[in-house]
């Protein structure tokens, strides 16, 4: 006698939602990594995974675990809420206040980072 197990419609929907979520998270991860000027290799090393495995994160074939999300947040400042939902925390940033309350090294570093980011965006 042969038994076949069918997936319930609910399980199929959940699996499809998970795949869609992983793909969306991967797309936002890739965008954030590029915005920071990081390579896949650097980010894979940070997360303690192979480059091949990291590419699976960006493609959505594999989902990010909570510990990986926390590493990205603590080391790169990537908001886990943004990666998961696509909605970032809207923090107001007052450039004038930042510059007024920074020493020369902090101002120079900020300007260098802004210019590097603008340069990367212009190359796209």
C-alpha atoms as a PDB file:
ATOM      1  CA  UNK A   1       0.000   0.000   0.000  1.00  0.00           C
ATOM      2  CA  UNK A   2       1.371   3.411  -0.956  1.00  0.00           C
ATOM      3  CA  UNK A   3       0.729   6.521   1.091  1.00  0.00           C
ATOM      4  CA  UNK A   4       1.171  10.003  -0.246  1.00  0.00           C
ATOM      5  CA  UNK A   5       1.316  13.043   1.917  1.00  0.00           C
ATOM      6  CA  UNK A   6      -0.042  16.238   0.502  1.00  0.00           C
ATOM      7  CA  UNK A   7       0.945  19.597   1.820  1.00  0.00           C
ATOM      8  CA  UNK A   8      -1.960  21.515   3.096  1.00  0.00           C
ATOM      9  CA  UNK A   9      -2.826  24.736   1.315  1.00  0.00           C
ATOM     10  CA  UNK A  10      -1.990  26.653   4.495  1.00  0.00           C
ATOM     11  CA  UNK A  11       1.525  25.158   4.617  1.00  0.00           C
ATOM     12  CA  UNK A  12       2.082  26.018   0.951  1.00  0.00           C
ATOM     13  CA  UNK A  13       1.010  29.616   1.538  1.00  0.00           C
ATOM     14  CA  UNK A  14       3.324  29.880   4.560  1.00  0.00           C
ATOM     15  CA  UNK A  15       6.252  28.492   2.548  1.00  0.00           C
ATOM     16  CA  UNK A  16       5.576  30.922  -0.298  1.00  0.00           C
ATOM     17  CA  UNK A  17       5.359  33.827   2.148  1.00  0.00           C
ATOM     18  CA  UNK A  18       8.671  32.766   3.682  1.00  0.00           C
ATOM     19  CA  UNK A  19      10.309  32.638   0.243  1.00  0.00           C
ATOM     20  CA  UNK A  20       8.914  36.067  -0.639  1.00  0.00           C
ATOM     21  CA  UNK A  21      10.083  37.481   2.696  1.00  0.00           C
ATOM     22  CA  UNK A  22      13.576  36.008   2.269  1.00  0.00           C
ATOM     23  CA  UNK A  23      13.790  37.487  -1.235  1.00  0.00           C
ATOM     24  CA  UNK A  24      12.716  40.929   0.008  1.00  0.00           C
ATOM     25  CA  UNK A  25      15.139  40.813   2.947  1.00  0.00           C
ATOM     26  CA  UNK A  26      17.931  39.705   0.601  1.00  0.00           C
ATOM     27  CA  UNK A  27      17.243  42.571  -1.786  1.00  0.00           C
ATOM     28  CA  UNK A  28      17.345  45.126   1.042  1.00  0.00           C
ATOM     29  CA  UNK A  29      20.486  43.507   2.482  1.00  0.00           C
ATOM     30  CA  UNK A  30      22.249  43.815  -0.867  1.00  0.00           C
ATOM     31  CA  UNK A  31      21.198  47.445  -1.209  1.00  0.00           C
ATOM     32  CA  UNK A  32      22.365  48.281   2.340  1.00  0.00           C
ATOM     33  CA  UNK A  33      25.690  46.511   1.800  1.00  0.00           C
ATOM     34  CA  UNK A  34      26.309  48.419  -1.417  1.00  0.00           C
ATOM     35  CA  UNK A  35      25.281  51.719   0.202  1.00  0.00           C
ATOM     36  CA  UNK A  36      27.945  51.093   2.830  1.00  0.00           C
ATOM     37  CA  UNK A  37      30.544  50.317   0.177  1.00  0.00           C
ATOM     38  CA  UNK A  38      31.047  46.771   1.477  1.00  0.00           C
ATOM     39  CA  UNK A  39      31.753  43.685  -0.597  1.00  0.00           C
ATOM     40  CA  UNK A  40      30.001  40.348  -0.321  1.00  0.00           C
ATOM     41  CA  UNK A  41      33.294  38.892   0.873  1.00  0.00           C
ATOM     42  CA  UNK A  42      33.657  41.415   3.711  1.00  0.00           C
ATOM     43  CA  UNK A  43      30.075  40.954   4.823  1.00  0.00           C
ATOM     44  CA  UNK A  44      30.310  37.162   4.656  1.00  0.00           C
ATOM     45  CA  UNK A  45      33.426  37.280   6.833  1.00  0.00           C
ATOM     46  CA  UNK A  46      31.693  39.567   9.333  1.00  0.00           C
ATOM     47  CA  UNK A  47      28.776  37.124   9.573  1.00  0.00           C
ATOM     48  CA  UNK A  48      31.067  34.090   9.810  1.00  0.00           C
ATOM     49  CA  UNK A  49      29.723  32.410   6.666  1.00  0.00           C
ATOM     50  CA  UNK A  50      31.171  31.503   3.289  1.00  0.00           C
ATOM     51  CA  UNK A  51      30.726  33.865   0.346  1.00  0.00           C
ATOM     52  CA  UNK A  52      28.513  31.242  -1.279  1.00  0.00           C
ATOM     53  CA  UNK A  53      26.267  31.130   1.771  1.00  0.00           C
ATOM     54  CA  UNK A  54      26.174  34.934   1.934  1.00  0.00           C
ATOM     55  CA  UNK A  55      25.063  35.087  -1.712  1.00  0.00           C
ATOM     56  CA  UNK A  56      22.152  32.865  -0.691  1.00  0.00           C
ATOM     57  CA  UNK A  57      21.121  35.529   1.838  1.00  0.00           C
ATOM     58  CA  UNK A  58      21.093  38.211  -0.843  1.00  0.00           C
ATOM     59  CA  UNK A  59      19.250  36.027  -3.344  1.00  0.00           C
ATOM     60  CA  UNK A  60      16.661  35.052  -0.749  1.00  0.00           C
ATOM     61  CA  UNK A  61      17.442  31.337  -0.983  1.00  0.00           C
ATOM     62  CA  UNK A  62      18.324  31.378   2.730  1.00  0.00           C
ATOM     63  CA  UNK A  63      16.909  33.548   5.480  1.00  0.00           C
ATOM     64  CA  UNK A  64      18.934  35.542   7.977  1.00  0.00           C
ATOM     65  CA  UNK A  65      18.838  34.346  11.575  1.00  0.00           C
ATOM     66  CA  UNK A  66      18.290  36.712  14.485  1.00  0.00           C
ATOM     67  CA  UNK A  67      21.957  36.549  15.486  1.00  0.00           C
ATOM     68  CA  UNK A  68      23.045  37.558  11.970  1.00  0.00           C
ATOM     69  CA  UNK A  69      20.571  40.464  11.992  1.00  0.00           C
ATOM     70  CA  UNK A  70      22.064  41.636  15.298  1.00  0.00           C
ATOM     71  CA  UNK A  71      25.619  41.428  13.951  1.00  0.00           C
ATOM     72  CA  UNK A  72      24.613  43.563  10.951  1.00  0.00           C
ATOM     73  CA  UNK A  73      22.997  46.063  13.290  1.00  0.00           C
ATOM     74  CA  UNK A  74      25.871  46.299  15.775  1.00  0.00           C
ATOM     75  CA  UNK A  75      28.720  46.306  13.246  1.00  0.00           C
ATOM     76  CA  UNK A  76      27.221  48.096  10.215  1.00  0.00           C
ATOM     77  CA  UNK A  77      24.258  49.942  11.737  1.00  0.00           C
ATOM     78  CA  UNK A  78      21.766  48.188   9.441  1.00  0.00           C
ATOM     79  CA  UNK A  79      18.328  48.384  11.035  1.00  0.00           C
ATOM     80  CA  UNK A  80      16.791  44.884  11.387  1.00  0.00           C
ATOM     81  CA  UNK A  81      13.301  46.371  11.134  1.00  0.00           C
ATOM     82  CA  UNK A  82      14.214  47.870   7.760  1.00  0.00           C
ATOM     83  CA  UNK A  83      15.645  44.564   6.513  1.00  0.00           C
ATOM     84  CA  UNK A  84      12.537  42.642   7.553  1.00  0.00           C
ATOM     85  CA  UNK A  85       9.748  45.112   6.766  1.00  0.00           C
ATOM     86  CA  UNK A  86      11.294  47.582   4.348  1.00  0.00           C
ATOM     87  CA  UNK A  87      10.298  50.394   6.688  1.00  0.00           C
ATOM     88  CA  UNK A  88      13.142  52.134   8.421  1.00  0.00           C
ATOM     89  CA  UNK A  89      13.059  54.108  11.588  1.00  0.00           C
ATOM     90  CA  UNK A  90      12.735  57.704  10.565  1.00  0.00           C
ATOM     91  CA  UNK A  91      15.378  59.464  12.587  1.00  0.00           C
ATOM     92  CA  UNK A  92      15.801  63.138  12.015  1.00  0.00           C
ATOM     93  CA  UNK A  93      19.406  64.073  11.418  1.00  0.00           C
ATOM     94  CA  UNK A  94      20.331  67.700  11.860  1.00  0.00           C
ATOM     95  CA  UNK A  95      23.560  68.255   9.940  1.00  0.00           C
ATOM     96  CA  UNK A  96      24.064  71.737  11.357  1.00  0.00           C
ATOM     97  CA  UNK A  97      23.718  70.471  14.920  1.00  0.00           C
ATOM     98  CA  UNK A  98      26.051  67.543  14.250  1.00  0.00           C
ATOM     99  CA  UNK A  99      28.746  69.782  12.787  1.00  0.00           C
ATOM    100  CA  UNK A 100      28.361  72.361  15.536  1.00  0.00           C
ATOM    101  CA  UNK A 101      28.853  69.677  18.182  1.00  0.00           C
ATOM    102  CA  UNK A 102      31.729  67.765  16.562  1.00  0.00           C
ATOM    103  CA  UNK A 103      35.458  68.105  16.774  1.00  0.00           C
ATOM    104  CA  UNK A 104      37.552  68.508  13.624  1.00  0.00           C
ATOM    105  CA  UNK A 105      38.260  64.766  13.302  1.00  0.00           C
ATOM    106  CA  UNK A 106      34.552  63.899  13.559  1.00  0.00           C
ATOM    107  CA  UNK A 107      33.603  66.559  10.994  1.00  0.00           C
ATOM    108  CA  UNK A 108      36.333  65.409   8.602  1.00  0.00           C
ATOM    109  CA  UNK A 109      35.276  61.764   8.944  1.00  0.00           C
ATOM    110  CA  UNK A 110      31.619  62.697   8.360  1.00  0.00           C
ATOM    111  CA  UNK A 111      32.446  64.739   5.257  1.00  0.00           C
ATOM    112  CA  UNK A 112      34.688  61.963   3.899  1.00  0.00           C
ATOM    113  CA  UNK A 113      31.890  59.403   4.366  1.00  0.00           C
ATOM    114  CA  UNK A 114      29.308  61.642   2.711  1.00  0.00           C
ATOM    115  CA  UNK A 115      31.592  62.331  -0.244  1.00  0.00           C
ATOM    116  CA  UNK A 116      32.442  58.625  -0.624  1.00  0.00           C
ATOM    117  CA  UNK A 117      28.727  57.789  -0.588  1.00  0.00           C
ATOM    118  CA  UNK A 118      27.916  60.492  -3.174  1.00  0.00           C
ATOM    119  CA  UNK A 119      30.777  59.267  -5.352  1.00  0.00           C
ATOM    120  CA  UNK A 120      29.444  55.662  -5.235  1.00  0.00           C
ATOM    121  CA  UNK A 121      25.943  56.851  -6.111  1.00  0.00           C
ATOM    122  CA  UNK A 122      27.187  58.883  -9.069  1.00  0.00           C
ATOM    123  CA  UNK A 123      28.934  55.817 -10.500  1.00  0.00           C
ATOM    124  CA  UNK A 124      25.669  53.858 -10.655  1.00  0.00           C
END
